[in-house]
């Protein structure tokens, strides 16, 4: 089954409130798209629509968090981070407030909305902030787990979700963790360390490579900050080659995080599959292929690396 990670948002928060969590939501006039309309319908008194004013959205969320509530925000990733960065940095993170920045529509798979709406810098922006934890779920079930983890832990979180439907990798038993990275396929020749929509693509790439006699290990890097250092270091020690895969700019994102780790603790040859330019307008699947971030493109990058 294929579902977008955003489909987990509203329904998971409804479940959490019914389980006893004191949650409020502040949305920037996008509840239908972020799927927070489900929460608004179930708990209208716990829902605030700030309008198309992302800075106000974060400011209101910060204030509500000071009353003891856990507060989630809703917008597209490009606006939730870019337009509200000052408030996230200076109000939420500097004070360690219990605000969860959980946007949807991240990455190039936003598709036809085009470059202006395709956030490719958000993970780097959020990863750089002290006290902020960054989770990038690979499928619907991982998104539910990420939202639960954010709700249950105090302090700032960034959970990156998307519009694009992705194949389900996990089931309702998946819990994730902080930190968490999981080996989904073992291999010996190269490690594909992926996050978000690229996890499913990397698993397909590993199948392509296997047919050519190349053994690829696939890791879902669910938690980008903090990193699950032990899992990544163990895989790098085994394969001695690491390719990071993300629908995000290679500067500041997953690739940078893994490179920082390996350069300090286990210098390892690396390659980076990700964005180096802005995106463009086309269906999500077309863009993954165009930017060589589909299974064939990832397999090609790994093949070139192994056979060099």
C-alpha atoms as a PDB file:
ATOM      1  CA  UNK A   1       0.000   0.000   0.000  1.00  0.00           C
ATOM      2  CA  UNK A   2       1.164   3.543  -0.756  1.00  0.00           C
ATOM      3  CA  UNK A   3       0.332   6.571   1.381  1.00  0.00           C
ATOM      4  CA  UNK A   4       1.869   9.989   1.875  1.00  0.00           C
ATOM      5  CA  UNK A   5       3.535  10.615   5.212  1.00  0.00           C
ATOM      6  CA  UNK A   6       1.306  13.682   5.701  1.00  0.00           C
ATOM      7  CA  UNK A   7      -1.721  11.377   5.945  1.00  0.00           C
ATOM      8  CA  UNK A   8      -0.532  10.347   9.401  1.00  0.00           C
ATOM      9  CA  UNK A   9      -0.552  13.864  10.828  1.00  0.00           C
ATOM     10  CA  UNK A  10      -4.064  14.791  11.908  1.00  0.00           C
ATOM     11  CA  UNK A  11      -5.185  11.295  12.764  1.00  0.00           C
ATOM     12  CA  UNK A  12      -2.159  10.616  14.972  1.00  0.00           C
ATOM     13  CA  UNK A  13      -2.700  13.808  16.958  1.00  0.00           C
ATOM     14  CA  UNK A  14      -6.375  12.855  17.425  1.00  0.00           C
ATOM     15  CA  UNK A  15      -5.251   9.495  18.821  1.00  0.00           C
ATOM     16  CA  UNK A  16      -2.786  11.182  21.173  1.00  0.00           C
ATOM     17  CA  UNK A  17      -5.388  13.559  22.625  1.00  0.00           C
ATOM     18  CA  UNK A  18      -7.791  10.675  23.160  1.00  0.00           C
ATOM     19  CA  UNK A  19      -4.991   8.887  25.016  1.00  0.00           C
ATOM     20  CA  UNK A  20      -4.613  11.842  27.377  1.00  0.00           C
ATOM     21  CA  UNK A  21      -2.008  14.125  25.796  1.00  0.00           C
ATOM     22  CA  UNK A  22      -2.726  17.848  26.210  1.00  0.00           C
ATOM     23  CA  UNK A  23      -2.094  18.881  22.607  1.00  0.00           C
ATOM     24  CA  UNK A  24      -2.952  22.031  20.707  1.00  0.00           C
ATOM     25  CA  UNK A  25      -2.426  22.762  17.011  1.00  0.00           C
ATOM     26  CA  UNK A  26      -1.638  26.075  15.329  1.00  0.00           C
ATOM     27  CA  UNK A  27      -1.996  25.953  11.536  1.00  0.00           C
ATOM     28  CA  UNK A  28      -1.252  28.530   8.815  1.00  0.00           C
ATOM     29  CA  UNK A  29      -4.444  28.239   6.743  1.00  0.00           C
ATOM     30  CA  UNK A  30      -3.439  24.878   5.267  1.00  0.00           C
ATOM     31  CA  UNK A  31      -5.328  22.351   7.392  1.00  0.00           C
ATOM     32  CA  UNK A  32      -6.779  20.599   4.363  1.00  0.00           C
ATOM     33  CA  UNK A  33      -3.374  20.074   2.782  1.00  0.00           C
ATOM     34  CA  UNK A  34      -1.487  19.238   5.985  1.00  0.00           C
ATOM     35  CA  UNK A  35      -4.292  16.831   7.006  1.00  0.00           C
ATOM     36  CA  UNK A  36      -4.752  18.708  10.277  1.00  0.00           C
ATOM     37  CA  UNK A  37      -8.378  19.228   9.304  1.00  0.00           C
ATOM     38  CA  UNK A  38      -8.971  15.820  10.916  1.00  0.00           C
ATOM     39  CA  UNK A  39      -7.762  17.252  14.218  1.00  0.00           C
ATOM     40  CA  UNK A  40      -9.706  20.487  13.760  1.00  0.00           C
ATOM     41  CA  UNK A  41     -12.925  18.538  13.236  1.00  0.00           C
ATOM     42  CA  UNK A  42     -12.350  16.310  16.270  1.00  0.00           C
ATOM     43  CA  UNK A  43     -11.119  19.029  18.661  1.00  0.00           C
ATOM     44  CA  UNK A  44     -12.080  22.502  17.380  1.00  0.00           C
ATOM     45  CA  UNK A  45     -11.243  24.164  20.710  1.00  0.00           C
ATOM     46  CA  UNK A  46      -7.696  22.798  20.528  1.00  0.00           C
ATOM     47  CA  UNK A  47      -7.134  24.203  17.019  1.00  0.00           C
ATOM     48  CA  UNK A  48      -5.969  27.724  16.104  1.00  0.00           C
ATOM     49  CA  UNK A  49      -5.801  28.984  12.513  1.00  0.00           C
ATOM     50  CA  UNK A  50      -3.199  31.753  12.362  1.00  0.00           C
ATOM     51  CA  UNK A  51      -3.931  32.479   8.714  1.00  0.00           C
ATOM     52  CA  UNK A  52      -1.210  32.866   6.121  1.00  0.00           C
ATOM     53  CA  UNK A  53       1.212  34.140   8.758  1.00  0.00           C
ATOM     54  CA  UNK A  54       3.831  31.546   9.615  1.00  0.00           C
ATOM     55  CA  UNK A  55       5.775  33.814  11.970  1.00  0.00           C
ATOM     56  CA  UNK A  56       2.598  34.433  13.952  1.00  0.00           C
ATOM     57  CA  UNK A  57       1.889  30.699  13.878  1.00  0.00           C
ATOM     58  CA  UNK A  58       5.168  29.904  15.648  1.00  0.00           C
ATOM     59  CA  UNK A  59       4.807  32.827  18.046  1.00  0.00           C
ATOM     60  CA  UNK A  60       1.308  31.712  19.076  1.00  0.00           C
ATOM     61  CA  UNK A  61       2.543  28.124  19.424  1.00  0.00           C
ATOM     62  CA  UNK A  62       5.375  29.307  21.663  1.00  0.00           C
ATOM     63  CA  UNK A  63       2.984  31.192  23.897  1.00  0.00           C
ATOM     64  CA  UNK A  64       0.595  28.274  24.177  1.00  0.00           C
ATOM     65  CA  UNK A  65       3.474  25.974  25.114  1.00  0.00           C
ATOM     66  CA  UNK A  66       4.146  28.188  28.144  1.00  0.00           C
ATOM     67  CA  UNK A  67       0.730  27.165  29.505  1.00  0.00           C
ATOM     68  CA  UNK A  68       1.973  23.578  29.767  1.00  0.00           C
ATOM     69  CA  UNK A  69       0.557  22.245  26.523  1.00  0.00           C
ATOM     70  CA  UNK A  70       2.341  20.360  23.745  1.00  0.00           C
ATOM     71  CA  UNK A  71       1.898  22.411  20.574  1.00  0.00           C
ATOM     72  CA  UNK A  72       2.161  21.240  16.958  1.00  0.00           C
ATOM     73  CA  UNK A  73       2.319  23.586  13.973  1.00  0.00           C
ATOM     74  CA  UNK A  74       1.083  23.015  10.442  1.00  0.00           C
ATOM     75  CA  UNK A  75       2.287  24.463   7.147  1.00  0.00           C
ATOM     76  CA  UNK A  76       4.361  23.559   4.092  1.00  0.00           C
ATOM     77  CA  UNK A  77       8.035  22.937   4.859  1.00  0.00           C
ATOM     78  CA  UNK A  78       9.320  25.840   2.777  1.00  0.00           C
ATOM     79  CA  UNK A  79       7.158  28.321   4.709  1.00  0.00           C
ATOM     80  CA  UNK A  80       7.269  26.660   8.134  1.00  0.00           C
ATOM     81  CA  UNK A  81      11.064  26.907   8.211  1.00  0.00           C
ATOM     82  CA  UNK A  82      12.027  29.724   5.838  1.00  0.00           C
ATOM     83  CA  UNK A  83       9.454  32.331   6.792  1.00  0.00           C
ATOM     84  CA  UNK A  84       9.438  31.521  10.504  1.00  0.00           C
ATOM     85  CA  UNK A  85      13.126  30.831  11.105  1.00  0.00           C
ATOM     86  CA  UNK A  86      13.639  33.805  13.408  1.00  0.00           C
ATOM     87  CA  UNK A  87      10.798  32.705  15.676  1.00  0.00           C
ATOM     88  CA  UNK A  88      11.902  29.062  15.666  1.00  0.00           C
ATOM     89  CA  UNK A  89      15.484  30.011  16.487  1.00  0.00           C
ATOM     90  CA  UNK A  90      15.069  32.820  18.991  1.00  0.00           C
ATOM     91  CA  UNK A  91      11.788  31.928  20.667  1.00  0.00           C
ATOM     92  CA  UNK A  92      11.360  28.148  20.453  1.00  0.00           C
ATOM     93  CA  UNK A  93      14.886  26.740  20.440  1.00  0.00           C
ATOM     94  CA  UNK A  94      16.694  29.309  22.573  1.00  0.00           C
ATOM     95  CA  UNK A  95      14.141  28.713  25.328  1.00  0.00           C
ATOM     96  CA  UNK A  96      13.727  24.989  24.671  1.00  0.00           C
ATOM     97  CA  UNK A  97       9.951  25.327  24.320  1.00  0.00           C
ATOM     98  CA  UNK A  98       7.681  22.348  23.796  1.00  0.00           C
ATOM     99  CA  UNK A  99       6.794  23.240  20.203  1.00  0.00           C
ATOM    100  CA  UNK A 100       6.809  20.725  17.364  1.00  0.00           C
ATOM    101  CA  UNK A 101       7.476  22.059  13.861  1.00  0.00           C
ATOM    102  CA  UNK A 102       5.979  19.331  11.676  1.00  0.00           C
ATOM    103  CA  UNK A 103       5.431  20.573   8.133  1.00  0.00           C
ATOM    104  CA  UNK A 104       4.276  18.664   5.086  1.00  0.00           C
ATOM    105  CA  UNK A 105       5.053  19.126   1.378  1.00  0.00           C
ATOM    106  CA  UNK A 106       8.830  18.831   1.790  1.00  0.00           C
ATOM    107  CA  UNK A 107      11.321  18.067  -0.980  1.00  0.00           C
ATOM    108  CA  UNK A 108      11.046  17.879  -4.750  1.00  0.00           C
ATOM    109  CA  UNK A 109       8.170  15.401  -4.580  1.00  0.00           C
ATOM    110  CA  UNK A 110       5.841  18.332  -3.875  1.00  0.00           C
ATOM    111  CA  UNK A 111       5.850  18.128  -7.663  1.00  0.00           C
ATOM    112  CA  UNK A 112       3.850  20.500  -9.808  1.00  0.00           C
ATOM    113  CA  UNK A 113       3.875  23.322  -7.220  1.00  0.00           C
ATOM    114  CA  UNK A 114       7.410  23.979  -8.431  1.00  0.00           C
ATOM    115  CA  UNK A 115      10.679  25.278  -7.029  1.00  0.00           C
ATOM    116  CA  UNK A 116       9.143  27.984  -4.840  1.00  0.00           C
ATOM    117  CA  UNK A 117       7.261  25.345  -2.853  1.00  0.00           C
ATOM    118  CA  UNK A 118       9.921  22.601  -2.815  1.00  0.00           C
ATOM    119  CA  UNK A 119      11.859  22.943   0.415  1.00  0.00           C
ATOM    120  CA  UNK A 120      15.392  21.616  -0.069  1.00  0.00           C
ATOM    121  CA  UNK A 121      17.154  23.412   2.778  1.00  0.00           C
ATOM    122  CA  UNK A 122      14.876  22.751   5.744  1.00  0.00           C
ATOM    123  CA  UNK A 123      16.727  19.826   7.319  1.00  0.00           C
ATOM    124  CA  UNK A 124      19.976  21.799   7.299  1.00  0.00           C
ATOM    125  CA  UNK A 125      18.290  24.849   8.807  1.00  0.00           C
ATOM    126  CA  UNK A 126      16.674  22.853  11.588  1.00  0.00           C
ATOM    127  CA  UNK A 127      19.685  20.597  12.221  1.00  0.00           C
ATOM    128  CA  UNK A 128      21.844  23.649  12.893  1.00  0.00           C
ATOM    129  CA  UNK A 129      19.653  24.822  15.778  1.00  0.00           C
ATOM    130  CA  UNK A 130      20.662  23.850  19.318  1.00  0.00           C
ATOM    131  CA  UNK A 131      18.022  21.761  21.140  1.00  0.00           C
ATOM    132  CA  UNK A 132      16.160  20.901  17.900  1.00  0.00           C
ATOM    133  CA  UNK A 133      15.759  17.203  17.067  1.00  0.00           C
ATOM    134  CA  UNK A 134      15.131  16.230  13.437  1.00  0.00           C
ATOM    135  CA  UNK A 135      13.143  13.189  12.273  1.00  0.00           C
ATOM    136  CA  UNK A 136      12.494  12.265   8.626  1.00  0.00           C
ATOM    137  CA  UNK A 137      10.040   9.343   8.402  1.00  0.00           C
ATOM    138  CA  UNK A 138      10.180   6.999   5.422  1.00  0.00           C
ATOM    139  CA  UNK A 139       6.499   6.045   5.239  1.00  0.00           C
ATOM    140  CA  UNK A 140       3.075   6.481   6.821  1.00  0.00           C
ATOM    141  CA  UNK A 141       3.814   4.222   9.806  1.00  0.00           C
ATOM    142  CA  UNK A 142       7.171   5.865  10.431  1.00  0.00           C
ATOM    143  CA  UNK A 143       5.437   9.255  10.373  1.00  0.00           C
ATOM    144  CA  UNK A 144       2.996   8.091  13.046  1.00  0.00           C
ATOM    145  CA  UNK A 145       5.937   6.899  15.146  1.00  0.00           C
ATOM    146  CA  UNK A 146       7.804  10.184  14.667  1.00  0.00           C
ATOM    147  CA  UNK A 147       4.803  12.249  15.730  1.00  0.00           C
ATOM    148  CA  UNK A 148       4.340  10.099  18.829  1.00  0.00           C
ATOM    149  CA  UNK A 149       7.992  10.466  19.762  1.00  0.00           C
ATOM    150  CA  UNK A 150       7.752  14.229  19.336  1.00  0.00           C
ATOM    151  CA  UNK A 151       4.636  14.383  21.512  1.00  0.00           C
ATOM    152  CA  UNK A 152       6.111  12.242  24.274  1.00  0.00           C
ATOM    153  CA  UNK A 153       9.453  14.054  24.573  1.00  0.00           C
ATOM    154  CA  UNK A 154       9.732  17.596  25.880  1.00  0.00           C
ATOM    155  CA  UNK A 155      11.254  20.351  23.772  1.00  0.00           C
ATOM    156  CA  UNK A 156      11.584  21.357  20.118  1.00  0.00           C
ATOM    157  CA  UNK A 157      11.193  18.837  17.297  1.00  0.00           C
ATOM    158  CA  UNK A 158      11.225  18.987  13.511  1.00  0.00           C
ATOM    159  CA  UNK A 159       9.324  16.194  11.747  1.00  0.00           C
ATOM    160  CA  UNK A 160       9.552  16.364   7.940  1.00  0.00           C
ATOM    161  CA  UNK A 161       6.582  14.963   6.016  1.00  0.00           C
ATOM    162  CA  UNK A 162       5.624  14.893   2.363  1.00  0.00           C
ATOM    163  CA  UNK A 163       2.807  15.054  -0.140  1.00  0.00           C
ATOM    164  CA  UNK A 164       4.031  12.206  -2.347  1.00  0.00           C
ATOM    165  CA  UNK A 165       2.671   8.705  -1.846  1.00  0.00           C
ATOM    166  CA  UNK A 166       5.378   6.217  -0.849  1.00  0.00           C
ATOM    167  CA  UNK A 167       5.370   2.444  -0.518  1.00  0.00           C
ATOM    168  CA  UNK A 168       4.896   1.271   3.040  1.00  0.00           C
ATOM    169  CA  UNK A 169       8.041  -0.241   4.522  1.00  0.00           C
ATOM    170  CA  UNK A 170       6.849  -0.684   8.090  1.00  0.00           C
ATOM    171  CA  UNK A 171       3.641  -1.642   9.863  1.00  0.00           C
ATOM    172  CA  UNK A 172       1.855  -0.530  13.015  1.00  0.00           C
ATOM    173  CA  UNK A 173       4.526  -2.144  15.218  1.00  0.00           C
ATOM    174  CA  UNK A 174       7.233   0.330  14.175  1.00  0.00           C
ATOM    175  CA  UNK A 175       8.304   2.607  17.045  1.00  0.00           C
ATOM    176  CA  UNK A 176      11.475   4.308  15.803  1.00  0.00           C
ATOM    177  CA  UNK A 177      13.548   6.064  18.431  1.00  0.00           C
ATOM    178  CA  UNK A 178      15.718   9.053  19.266  1.00  0.00           C
ATOM    179  CA  UNK A 179      18.184   8.317  17.836  1.00  0.00           C
ATOM    180  CA  UNK A 180      17.217   5.571  15.407  1.00  0.00           C
ATOM    181  CA  UNK A 181      18.623   4.171  12.181  1.00  0.00           C
ATOM    182  CA  UNK A 182      17.566   0.739  10.985  1.00  0.00           C
ATOM    183  CA  UNK A 183      19.294  -1.686   8.630  1.00  0.00           C
ATOM    184  CA  UNK A 184      16.550  -2.757   6.216  1.00  0.00           C
ATOM    185  CA  UNK A 185      18.788  -4.835   3.958  1.00  0.00           C
ATOM    186  CA  UNK A 186      22.229  -6.170   4.711  1.00  0.00           C
ATOM    187  CA  UNK A 187      25.078  -5.862   2.237  1.00  0.00           C
ATOM    188  CA  UNK A 188      28.854  -5.905   1.958  1.00  0.00           C
ATOM    189  CA  UNK A 189      29.910  -3.671  -0.958  1.00  0.00           C
ATOM    190  CA  UNK A 190      28.276  -0.309  -0.319  1.00  0.00           C
ATOM    191  CA  UNK A 191      25.983   1.342   2.226  1.00  0.00           C
ATOM    192  CA  UNK A 192      22.958   3.309   1.023  1.00  0.00           C
ATOM    193  CA  UNK A 193      22.028   5.580   3.935  1.00  0.00           C
ATOM    194  CA  UNK A 194      18.690   7.163   3.065  1.00  0.00           C
ATOM    195  CA  UNK A 195      15.858   9.123   4.640  1.00  0.00           C
ATOM    196  CA  UNK A 196      12.255   9.938   3.804  1.00  0.00           C
ATOM    197  CA  UNK A 197      10.945   8.975   0.378  1.00  0.00           C
ATOM    198  CA  UNK A 198      14.435   7.866  -0.632  1.00  0.00           C
ATOM    199  CA  UNK A 199      14.360   4.837   1.660  1.00  0.00           C
ATOM    200  CA  UNK A 200      11.902   2.982  -0.576  1.00  0.00           C
ATOM    201  CA  UNK A 201      13.855   4.085  -3.652  1.00  0.00           C
ATOM    202  CA  UNK A 202      17.106   2.835  -2.101  1.00  0.00           C
ATOM    203  CA  UNK A 203      15.588  -0.570  -1.388  1.00  0.00           C
ATOM    204  CA  UNK A 204      14.615  -0.818  -5.065  1.00  0.00           C
ATOM    205  CA  UNK A 205      18.111   0.331  -6.049  1.00  0.00           C
ATOM    206  CA  UNK A 206      19.603  -2.446  -3.922  1.00  0.00           C
ATOM    207  CA  UNK A 207      17.515  -4.970  -5.872  1.00  0.00           C
ATOM    208  CA  UNK A 208      18.859  -3.606  -9.157  1.00  0.00           C
ATOM    209  CA  UNK A 209      22.433  -3.765  -7.880  1.00  0.00           C
ATOM    210  CA  UNK A 210      21.974  -7.316  -6.588  1.00  0.00           C
ATOM    211  CA  UNK A 211      21.164  -8.458 -10.108  1.00  0.00           C
ATOM    212  CA  UNK A 212      24.578  -7.135 -11.116  1.00  0.00           C
ATOM    213  CA  UNK A 213      26.430  -8.839  -8.283  1.00  0.00           C
ATOM    214  CA  UNK A 214      26.769  -5.719  -6.106  1.00  0.00           C
ATOM    215  CA  UNK A 215      25.708  -6.163  -2.478  1.00  0.00           C
ATOM    216  CA  UNK A 216      24.157  -2.958  -1.083  1.00  0.00           C
ATOM    217  CA  UNK A 217      23.262  -2.415   2.549  1.00  0.00           C
ATOM    218  CA  UNK A 218      20.269  -0.103   3.045  1.00  0.00           C
ATOM    219  CA  UNK A 219      19.828   1.998   6.188  1.00  0.00           C
ATOM    220  CA  UNK A 220      16.784   4.077   7.043  1.00  0.00           C
ATOM    221  CA  UNK A 221      18.212   7.110   8.864  1.00  0.00           C
ATOM    222  CA  UNK A 222      14.948   7.982  10.604  1.00  0.00           C
ATOM    223  CA  UNK A 223      16.638  10.330  13.077  1.00  0.00           C
ATOM    224  CA  UNK A 224      19.009  12.810  11.443  1.00  0.00           C
ATOM    225  CA  UNK A 225      19.601  14.702  14.668  1.00  0.00           C
ATOM    226  CA  UNK A 226      20.692  13.005  16.798  1.00  0.00           C
ATOM    227  CA  UNK A 227      22.235  10.376  14.531  1.00  0.00           C
ATOM    228  CA  UNK A 228      22.251   6.721  15.503  1.00  0.00           C
ATOM    229  CA  UNK A 229      26.024   6.672  15.343  1.00  0.00           C
ATOM    230  CA  UNK A 230      26.513   3.014  16.187  1.00  0.00           C
ATOM    231  CA  UNK A 231      24.435   1.706  13.281  1.00  0.00           C
ATOM    232  CA  UNK A 232      26.042   4.013  10.731  1.00  0.00           C
ATOM    233  CA  UNK A 233      29.593   3.367  11.939  1.00  0.00           C
ATOM    234  CA  UNK A 234      29.065  -0.405  11.946  1.00  0.00           C
ATOM    235  CA  UNK A 235      27.783  -0.353   8.374  1.00  0.00           C
ATOM    236  CA  UNK A 236      30.589   1.909   7.163  1.00  0.00           C
ATOM    237  CA  UNK A 237      33.162  -0.354   8.805  1.00  0.00           C
ATOM    238  CA  UNK A 238      31.686  -3.329   6.961  1.00  0.00           C
ATOM    239  CA  UNK A 239      31.187  -1.920   3.456  1.00  0.00           C
ATOM    240  CA  UNK A 240      33.884   0.817   3.453  1.00  0.00           C
ATOM    241  CA  UNK A 241      31.729   2.860   1.039  1.00  0.00           C
ATOM    242  CA  UNK A 242      28.770   5.080   1.970  1.00  0.00           C
ATOM    243  CA  UNK A 243      26.274   6.767  -0.346  1.00  0.00           C
ATOM    244  CA  UNK A 244      23.785   9.099   1.325  1.00  0.00           C
ATOM    245  CA  UNK A 245      20.440   9.572  -0.406  1.00  0.00           C
ATOM    246  CA  UNK A 246      18.020  12.444   0.264  1.00  0.00           C
ATOM    247  CA  UNK A 247      15.513  14.683  -1.544  1.00  0.00           C
ATOM    248  CA  UNK A 248      17.241  17.661   0.020  1.00  0.00           C
ATOM    249  CA  UNK A 249      20.258  19.755  -0.818  1.00  0.00           C
ATOM    250  CA  UNK A 250      23.462  17.844  -0.123  1.00  0.00           C
ATOM    251  CA  UNK A 251      24.699  20.878   1.848  1.00  0.00           C
ATOM    252  CA  UNK A 252      23.568  20.636   5.449  1.00  0.00           C
ATOM    253  CA  UNK A 253      21.281  17.626   5.216  1.00  0.00           C
ATOM    254  CA  UNK A 254      21.660  13.894   5.791  1.00  0.00           C
ATOM    255  CA  UNK A 255      24.853  13.636   3.741  1.00  0.00           C
ATOM    256  CA  UNK A 256      26.510  16.406   5.710  1.00  0.00           C
ATOM    257  CA  UNK A 257      25.455  14.845   9.021  1.00  0.00           C
ATOM    258  CA  UNK A 258      26.881  11.441   8.077  1.00  0.00           C
ATOM    259  CA  UNK A 259      30.064  13.014   6.687  1.00  0.00           C
ATOM    260  CA  UNK A 260      30.603  14.916   9.935  1.00  0.00           C
ATOM    261  CA  UNK A 261      30.286  11.679  11.890  1.00  0.00           C
ATOM    262  CA  UNK A 262      32.557   9.603   9.664  1.00  0.00           C
ATOM    263  CA  UNK A 263      35.233  12.277   9.322  1.00  0.00           C
ATOM    264  CA  UNK A 264      35.666  12.298  13.104  1.00  0.00           C
ATOM    265  CA  UNK A 265      35.230   8.636  13.984  1.00  0.00           C
ATOM    266  CA  UNK A 266      35.794   6.461  10.908  1.00  0.00           C
ATOM    267  CA  UNK A 267      37.029   8.221   7.761  1.00  0.00           C
ATOM    268  CA  UNK A 268      35.240   6.467   4.901  1.00  0.00           C
ATOM    269  CA  UNK A 269      34.895   7.211   1.164  1.00  0.00           C
ATOM    270  CA  UNK A 270      31.494   8.762   0.464  1.00  0.00           C
ATOM    271  CA  UNK A 271      29.239   9.848  -2.372  1.00  0.00           C
ATOM    272  CA  UNK A 272      26.187  12.086  -2.097  1.00  0.00           C
ATOM    273  CA  UNK A 273      22.896  11.571  -3.918  1.00  0.00           C
ATOM    274  CA  UNK A 274      20.769  14.641  -3.398  1.00  0.00           C
ATOM    275  CA  UNK A 275      19.903  18.053  -4.748  1.00  0.00           C
ATOM    276  CA  UNK A 276      22.471  20.614  -5.863  1.00  0.00           C
ATOM    277  CA  UNK A 277      20.073  23.074  -7.521  1.00  0.00           C
ATOM    278  CA  UNK A 278      16.530  24.293  -7.010  1.00  0.00           C
ATOM    279  CA  UNK A 279      13.768  22.005  -8.205  1.00  0.00           C
ATOM    280  CA  UNK A 280      11.242  22.539 -10.976  1.00  0.00           C
ATOM    281  CA  UNK A 281       7.615  21.803 -11.794  1.00  0.00           C
ATOM    282  CA  UNK A 282       6.623  18.255 -12.777  1.00  0.00           C
ATOM    283  CA  UNK A 283       4.998  15.219 -11.143  1.00  0.00           C
ATOM    284  CA  UNK A 284       6.966  13.872  -8.193  1.00  0.00           C
ATOM    285  CA  UNK A 285       7.979  10.614  -9.878  1.00  0.00           C
ATOM    286  CA  UNK A 286       9.204  12.524 -12.921  1.00  0.00           C
ATOM    287  CA  UNK A 287      11.328  14.776 -10.735  1.00  0.00           C
ATOM    288  CA  UNK A 288      12.884  11.853  -8.863  1.00  0.00           C
ATOM    289  CA  UNK A 289      13.955  10.429 -12.215  1.00  0.00           C
ATOM    290  CA  UNK A 290      15.070  13.793 -13.621  1.00  0.00           C
ATOM    291  CA  UNK A 291      17.333  14.472 -10.644  1.00  0.00           C
ATOM    292  CA  UNK A 292      18.619  10.860 -10.513  1.00  0.00           C
ATOM    293  CA  UNK A 293      16.988  10.246  -7.144  1.00  0.00           C
ATOM    294  CA  UNK A 294      14.854   7.306  -8.225  1.00  0.00           C
ATOM    295  CA  UNK A 295      15.971   3.672  -7.917  1.00  0.00           C
ATOM    296  CA  UNK A 296      17.805   3.700 -11.259  1.00  0.00           C
ATOM    297  CA  UNK A 297      19.625   6.912 -10.443  1.00  0.00           C
ATOM    298  CA  UNK A 298      20.660   5.727  -6.993  1.00  0.00           C
ATOM    299  CA  UNK A 299      21.821   2.382  -8.387  1.00  0.00           C
ATOM    300  CA  UNK A 300      23.878   4.222 -10.992  1.00  0.00           C
ATOM    301  CA  UNK A 301      25.573   6.365  -8.361  1.00  0.00           C
ATOM    302  CA  UNK A 302      26.409   3.322  -6.228  1.00  0.00           C
ATOM    303  CA  UNK A 303      27.542   1.259  -9.223  1.00  0.00           C
ATOM    304  CA  UNK A 304      29.954   3.954 -10.366  1.00  0.00           C
ATOM    305  CA  UNK A 305      31.341   4.191  -6.839  1.00  0.00           C
ATOM    306  CA  UNK A 306      31.862   0.451  -6.353  1.00  0.00           C
ATOM    307  CA  UNK A 307      33.375  -0.157  -9.777  1.00  0.00           C
ATOM    308  CA  UNK A 308      35.648   2.891  -9.789  1.00  0.00           C
END
